[in-house]
Amino acid sequence: MYKFFTRSQISSIRWDSFIASSPQQVVYAYSWYLDVVAPHWQALILEENGVWKAVMPLPIQSKWGLSVVQQPFFCQFLGIFTTPLVEIASVQSAFLEDLSTHFRYVSSYSGRFWGGQFPAQFKLQHCYTHLFPLDAPYPTLRQCYSPDRQMNLRRAQKFPWQWQESNDIGPLIDLFRQNHAAQIEGGVSESAYDLLRKVHEVLQEKQAVRLRYAVYNGRIEAGAMFAVYQKRIIYLFNAASAVGRKGNARTLLIDQIIEEYAETDFVFDFESPEVASIAGFYQSFGAKEEVYSMLHYNGLPFPLKQLQARRRKKGG
């Protein structure tokens, strides 16, 4: 039986145990991560004779006086999580039908769904991340880099970089604010930086984060934050100054992590944005595409649809 649960009805221990044993498990889906990026999250759960068979975490926000589903920052995808004996294909349609019944508006919801089994009311957009398995020796992994990436790595290794492991995310945020924020349409709100600080804090508590800086002449010129949890290394956030870019610091930061975790069963996840130039940079390390889907659903009454259209025209 499919049931709808609010956050207060969900045991964190039971939820996290289920996610940890699921073949689809990923750090974004644990209760302690959701509590940070989507404090009002809810869930659809398939329960049979008191046993959970599948769950679907739902990040909730309030708009127009309604609860709507919207993918949060620093959470690339969620989706349906099952026990090892349940296939997503067998439950996906029912979960999505229930989703559109409980919520009138799904602004965005990302997940690793199965095939083409989507109810007609949903609009679907395919997205990609890039994965690089680290199960081979480092020299073998490095051979997967493109010739240009190998050349830039050699240049970075000749640059007089110094390296710092850190617990302080402040310099990384400052680097991003000074060198990247202006390029983002609409800018970056202070609340987004506050959220990143909270994500870093909870990952620290779980001993699931690596934060590394590239230093030149005593100044931090580049940095990268990696979430490291359950055999997946996620390139969660990064920034570089002009000096950092010229010195290929981020190439070397990524390469150092790849070398450190070589010959393990970890997978490096580049968490690719839908930007061709950035995706090309990640592919140059030999990473391969993994598809996931972004879902949209608009069942709002006509007056709210009109209001929504007017706001979009005004850029609001």
Protein backbone atom coordinates (compact mmCIF):
# COMPACT_ATOMS: atom_id res chain seq x y z
CA MET A 1 0.00 0.00 0.00
CA TYR A 2 1.30 3.44 -0.96
CA LYS A 3 1.25 5.90 1.92
CA PHE A 4 2.06 9.59 2.23
CA PHE A 5 4.25 10.63 5.20
CA THR A 6 5.22 14.03 6.55
CA ARG A 7 8.70 14.50 8.01
CA SER A 8 7.45 14.23 11.60
CA GLN A 9 6.01 10.79 10.84
CA ILE A 10 9.30 9.37 9.56
CA SER A 11 11.84 7.74 11.85
CA SER A 12 15.30 8.96 10.84
CA ILE A 13 16.86 5.67 11.94
CA ARG A 14 14.43 3.57 9.91
CA TRP A 15 14.68 5.86 6.88
CA ASP A 16 18.47 5.98 6.83
CA SER A 17 18.73 2.22 7.30
CA PHE A 18 16.44 1.72 4.32
CA ILE A 19 18.39 4.15 2.11
CA ALA A 20 21.72 2.56 3.10
CA SER A 21 20.51 -0.89 2.00
CA SER A 22 18.92 0.33 -1.23
CA PRO A 23 20.71 -0.36 -4.54
CA GLN A 24 19.97 3.29 -5.48
CA GLN A 25 21.43 4.81 -2.30
CA VAL A 26 23.09 8.21 -2.57
CA VAL A 27 24.05 10.79 0.04
CA TYR A 28 21.32 13.23 -1.05
CA ALA A 29 18.58 10.86 0.16
CA TYR A 30 19.62 10.41 3.80
CA SER A 31 17.39 12.10 6.36
CA TRP A 32 20.22 14.20 7.79
CA TYR A 33 21.06 15.57 4.34
CA LEU A 34 17.42 16.21 3.41
CA ASP A 35 16.84 17.95 6.73
CA VAL A 36 19.41 20.55 5.64
CA VAL A 37 18.58 21.08 1.95
CA ALA A 38 14.79 20.56 2.24
CA PRO A 39 13.74 20.93 5.90
CA HIS A 40 10.05 20.32 5.12
CA TRP A 41 10.58 17.18 3.04
CA GLN A 42 7.94 14.51 2.92
CA ALA A 43 7.80 11.05 1.35
CA LEU A 44 5.70 8.50 -0.46
CA ILE A 45 6.32 4.99 0.89
CA LEU A 46 5.25 1.58 -0.39
CA GLU A 47 4.56 -0.54 2.68
CA GLU A 48 3.47 -4.18 2.72
CA ASN A 49 2.58 -5.87 6.02
CA GLY A 50 4.48 -3.19 7.90
CA VAL A 51 7.61 -3.60 5.75
CA TRP A 52 8.87 -0.79 3.52
CA LYS A 53 9.45 -1.90 -0.06
CA ALA A 54 10.16 1.45 -1.74
CA VAL A 55 10.36 5.12 -0.79
CA MET A 56 10.35 8.42 -2.66
CA PRO A 57 11.65 11.50 -0.78
CA LEU A 58 9.88 14.73 -1.75
CA PRO A 59 11.52 18.14 -1.20
CA ILE A 60 8.71 20.57 -0.37
CA GLN A 61 8.48 24.35 -0.55
CA SER A 62 5.56 26.73 -0.05
CA LYS A 63 4.34 28.83 -3.01
CA TRP A 64 1.06 30.66 -3.53
CA GLY A 65 -0.12 29.19 -0.24
CA LEU A 66 0.39 25.66 -1.60
CA SER A 67 2.93 22.94 -0.90
CA VAL A 68 4.90 22.28 -4.09
CA VAL A 69 7.72 19.90 -4.97
CA GLN A 70 10.99 21.58 -5.96
CA GLN A 71 14.48 20.12 -6.27
CA PRO A 72 16.72 21.91 -3.74
CA PHE A 73 20.22 23.28 -4.23
CA PHE A 74 23.14 20.89 -3.62
CA CYS A 75 20.90 17.89 -4.29
CA GLN A 76 21.32 16.75 -7.87
CA PHE A 77 18.77 13.96 -7.86
CA LEU A 78 16.54 11.85 -5.61
CA GLY A 79 13.96 9.52 -7.13
CA ILE A 80 12.68 6.13 -5.98
CA PHE A 81 14.69 3.94 -3.61
CA THR A 82 13.82 0.25 -3.25
CA THR A 83 14.81 -2.90 -1.44
CA PRO A 84 17.18 -5.10 -3.48
CA LEU A 85 14.30 -7.37 -4.54
CA VAL A 86 12.01 -4.62 -5.87
CA GLU A 87 12.57 -3.14 -9.33
CA ILE A 88 11.87 0.56 -9.86
CA ALA A 89 9.97 -0.30 -13.05
CA SER A 90 7.36 -2.19 -11.03
CA VAL A 91 6.48 0.73 -8.77
CA GLN A 92 7.40 3.86 -10.72
CA SER A 93 4.05 4.63 -12.39
CA ALA A 94 2.12 4.22 -9.14
CA PHE A 95 4.54 6.49 -7.26
CA LEU A 96 4.29 9.23 -9.89
CA GLU A 97 0.50 8.98 -10.08
CA ASP A 98 0.36 9.41 -6.30
CA LEU A 99 2.76 12.35 -6.56
CA SER A 100 0.45 14.20 -8.95
CA THR A 101 -2.52 13.37 -6.71
CA HIS A 102 -0.94 14.81 -3.55
CA PHE A 103 0.60 17.90 -5.18
CA ARG A 104 -0.85 20.29 -7.74
CA TYR A 105 2.55 21.55 -8.83
CA VAL A 106 5.93 19.88 -9.29
CA SER A 107 8.30 22.70 -10.18
CA SER A 108 11.17 20.27 -10.62
CA TYR A 109 11.99 16.80 -9.37
CA SER A 110 15.12 14.90 -10.39
CA GLY A 111 15.58 11.17 -10.11
CA ARG A 112 17.13 8.11 -11.67
CA PHE A 113 13.95 6.67 -13.10
CA TRP A 114 13.44 3.62 -15.27
CA GLY A 115 12.84 3.73 -19.01
CA GLY A 116 9.82 5.49 -20.45
CA GLN A 117 7.22 4.61 -17.84
CA PHE A 118 5.96 8.12 -17.02
CA PRO A 119 2.33 9.19 -16.55
CA ALA A 120 1.20 11.52 -19.34
CA GLN A 121 0.71 14.52 -17.04
CA PHE A 122 4.46 14.85 -16.42
CA LYS A 123 6.85 16.74 -18.65
CA LEU A 124 10.21 15.05 -18.85
CA GLN A 125 13.72 16.38 -19.38
CA HIS A 126 16.78 14.13 -19.57
CA CYS A 127 19.86 15.31 -17.66
CA TYR A 128 23.31 13.86 -17.19
CA THR A 129 25.99 13.52 -14.59
CA HIS A 130 29.44 12.09 -15.34
CA LEU A 131 30.92 9.15 -13.44
CA PHE A 132 34.47 7.85 -13.30
CA PRO A 133 35.02 4.48 -11.54
CA LEU A 134 38.27 4.43 -9.56
CA ASP A 135 38.82 0.67 -9.46
CA ALA A 136 42.00 0.67 -11.57
CA PRO A 137 45.57 1.67 -10.65
CA TYR A 138 46.24 5.39 -10.92
CA PRO A 139 48.46 5.17 -14.05
CA THR A 140 45.62 3.34 -15.81
CA LEU A 141 43.08 5.94 -14.68
CA ARG A 142 45.31 8.76 -15.84
CA GLN A 143 45.57 7.19 -19.29
CA CYS A 144 41.81 7.76 -19.60
CA TYR A 145 42.36 11.54 -19.53
CA SER A 146 42.19 13.29 -22.89
CA PRO A 147 45.50 14.55 -24.36
CA ASP A 148 44.51 18.14 -23.50
CA ARG A 149 43.69 17.20 -19.90
CA GLN A 150 46.99 15.37 -19.51
CA MET A 151 48.82 18.41 -20.89
CA ASN A 152 47.02 20.77 -18.50
CA LEU A 153 47.76 18.44 -15.62
CA ARG A 154 51.48 18.55 -16.43
CA ARG A 155 51.27 22.34 -16.52
CA ALA A 156 49.53 22.38 -13.13
CA GLN A 157 52.18 20.10 -11.65
CA LYS A 158 54.90 22.54 -12.77
CA PHE A 159 53.09 25.52 -11.23
CA PRO A 160 54.37 26.32 -7.69
CA TRP A 161 51.15 25.36 -5.93
CA GLN A 162 50.91 24.63 -2.24
CA TRP A 163 47.98 22.61 -0.92
CA GLN A 164 45.80 22.89 2.17
CA GLU A 165 43.24 20.50 3.60
CA SER A 166 40.76 22.65 5.52
CA ASN A 167 37.61 22.65 7.61
CA ASP A 168 36.82 26.28 6.74
CA ILE A 169 34.47 26.75 3.79
CA GLY A 170 34.61 30.54 4.02
CA PRO A 171 37.48 31.00 1.54
CA LEU A 172 35.72 28.79 -1.02
CA ILE A 173 32.55 30.87 -0.77
CA ASP A 174 34.59 34.07 -1.07
CA LEU A 175 36.32 32.74 -4.20
CA PHE A 176 32.97 31.89 -5.77
CA ARG A 177 31.43 35.22 -4.80
CA GLN A 178 34.34 37.16 -6.31
CA ASN A 179 34.94 35.11 -9.46
CA HIS A 180 31.77 33.29 -10.50
CA ALA A 181 28.59 34.74 -8.99
CA ALA A 182 28.31 37.59 -11.48
CA GLN A 183 28.14 35.09 -14.35
CA ILE A 184 25.00 33.43 -12.96
CA GLU A 185 21.74 34.79 -14.30
CA GLY A 186 19.83 36.47 -11.48
CA GLY A 187 22.86 36.38 -9.20
CA VAL A 188 23.35 34.24 -6.10
CA SER A 189 21.34 34.87 -2.96
CA GLU A 190 22.92 34.98 0.46
CA SER A 191 20.59 32.14 1.46
CA ALA A 192 22.33 29.87 -1.08
CA TYR A 193 25.69 30.51 0.58
CA ASP A 194 24.13 29.90 4.00
CA LEU A 195 22.75 26.60 2.73
CA LEU A 196 26.18 25.58 1.45
CA ARG A 197 27.65 26.29 4.89
CA LYS A 198 25.01 24.04 6.47
CA VAL A 199 25.66 21.28 3.92
CA HIS A 200 29.38 21.46 4.69
CA GLU A 201 28.66 21.37 8.42
CA VAL A 202 26.47 18.26 8.29
CA LEU A 203 28.94 16.47 6.00
CA GLN A 204 31.68 17.32 8.49
CA GLU A 205 29.60 15.81 11.29
CA LYS A 206 29.30 12.61 9.25
CA GLN A 207 33.03 12.65 8.36
CA ALA A 208 31.90 12.72 4.74
CA VAL A 209 33.62 15.76 3.26
CA ARG A 210 37.00 16.74 1.85
CA LEU A 211 37.80 20.43 1.38
CA ARG A 212 41.06 21.31 -0.33
CA TYR A 213 42.61 24.61 -1.42
CA ALA A 214 45.33 25.59 -3.90
CA VAL A 215 47.60 28.34 -2.53
CA TYR A 216 50.02 30.58 -4.46
CA ASN A 217 52.14 33.29 -2.85
CA GLY A 218 50.20 32.86 0.38
CA ARG A 219 46.80 33.41 -1.28
CA ILE A 220 44.06 30.85 -1.80
CA GLU A 221 43.39 30.84 -5.54
CA ALA A 222 41.20 27.76 -5.99
CA GLY A 223 39.27 25.26 -3.91
CA ALA A 224 37.05 22.23 -4.16
CA MET A 225 34.60 20.52 -1.82
CA PHE A 226 34.01 16.79 -2.23
CA ALA A 227 31.25 14.82 -0.52
CA VAL A 228 32.68 11.35 0.19
CA TYR A 229 30.07 8.86 1.32
CA GLN A 230 29.14 5.24 0.65
CA LYS A 231 31.68 4.69 -2.13
CA ARG A 232 30.71 7.83 -4.07
CA ILE A 233 32.87 10.98 -4.28
CA ILE A 234 30.77 13.95 -5.39
CA TYR A 235 32.43 17.09 -6.75
CA LEU A 236 29.94 19.20 -4.87
CA PHE A 237 31.30 22.75 -5.13
CA ASN A 238 34.35 24.52 -6.49
CA ALA A 239 35.72 27.94 -7.38
CA ALA A 240 38.90 29.50 -8.76
CA SER A 241 40.38 32.93 -9.32
CA ALA A 242 42.01 33.98 -12.58
CA VAL A 243 45.33 32.76 -11.16
CA GLY A 244 43.72 29.44 -10.20
CA ARG A 245 42.31 29.00 -13.69
CA LYS A 246 45.58 29.93 -15.39
CA GLY A 247 47.47 27.47 -13.18
CA ASN A 248 44.93 24.66 -13.84
CA ALA A 249 44.47 24.28 -10.08
CA ARG A 250 41.11 22.51 -10.29
CA THR A 251 42.48 19.93 -12.71
CA LEU A 252 45.17 19.12 -10.15
CA LEU A 253 42.69 19.10 -7.24
CA ILE A 254 40.54 16.53 -9.02
CA ASP A 255 43.55 14.49 -10.09
CA GLN A 256 44.83 14.35 -6.51
CA ILE A 257 41.54 12.87 -5.29
CA ILE A 258 41.50 10.38 -8.17
CA GLU A 259 45.05 9.29 -7.32
CA GLU A 260 44.25 9.02 -3.62
CA TYR A 261 41.21 6.78 -4.18
CA ALA A 262 42.63 4.74 -7.08
CA GLU A 263 42.25 0.96 -6.84
CA THR A 264 39.15 1.24 -4.68
CA ASP A 265 35.46 0.63 -5.35
CA PHE A 266 34.71 4.37 -5.14
CA VAL A 267 33.13 6.20 -8.06
CA PHE A 268 33.94 9.86 -8.77
CA ASP A 269 30.75 11.79 -9.57
CA PHE A 270 31.35 15.12 -11.31
CA GLU A 271 27.73 16.23 -10.64
CA SER A 272 27.55 17.82 -14.08
CA PRO A 273 25.49 20.94 -14.73
CA GLU A 274 23.65 21.36 -18.03
CA VAL A 275 26.49 23.46 -19.45
CA ALA A 276 28.28 21.99 -22.47
CA SER A 277 31.70 23.51 -21.72
CA ILE A 278 31.69 22.22 -18.13
CA ALA A 279 30.45 18.79 -19.19
CA GLY A 280 33.27 18.70 -21.74
CA PHE A 281 35.78 19.46 -18.98
CA TYR A 282 34.49 16.52 -16.93
CA GLN A 283 34.45 14.19 -19.92
CA SER A 284 38.10 15.03 -20.52
CA PHE A 285 38.94 13.00 -17.39
CA GLY A 286 37.45 9.92 -19.04
CA ALA A 287 34.13 10.15 -17.19
CA LYS A 288 31.04 8.60 -18.79
CA GLU A 289 27.51 9.94 -18.82
CA GLU A 290 24.87 8.66 -16.41
CA VAL A 291 21.36 9.76 -17.29
CA TYR A 292 18.74 10.92 -14.82
CA SER A 293 15.44 12.69 -15.39
CA MET A 294 13.93 16.03 -14.40
CA LEU A 295 10.15 15.90 -14.01
CA HIS A 296 7.66 18.79 -14.15
CA TYR A 297 3.93 18.77 -13.49
CA ASN A 298 1.46 21.66 -13.46
CA GLY A 299 -1.99 20.90 -12.16
CA LEU A 300 -2.60 24.39 -10.82
CA PRO A 301 -6.06 25.92 -11.23
CA PHE A 302 -6.40 28.37 -14.14
CA PRO A 303 -6.06 31.63 -12.11
CA LEU A 304 -2.76 30.48 -10.59
CA LYS A 305 -1.47 29.41 -14.00
CA GLN A 306 -2.23 32.91 -15.29
CA LEU A 307 -0.43 34.50 -12.33
CA GLN A 308 2.52 32.19 -12.89
CA ALA A 309 2.72 33.12 -16.59
CA ARG A 310 2.67 36.84 -15.79
CA ARG A 311 5.49 36.47 -13.26
CA ARG A 312 7.60 34.60 -15.80
CA LYS A 313 7.12 37.38 -18.35
CA LYS A 314 8.29 39.90 -15.76
CA GLY A 315 11.23 37.70 -14.79
CA GLY A 316 9.82 37.10 -11.31
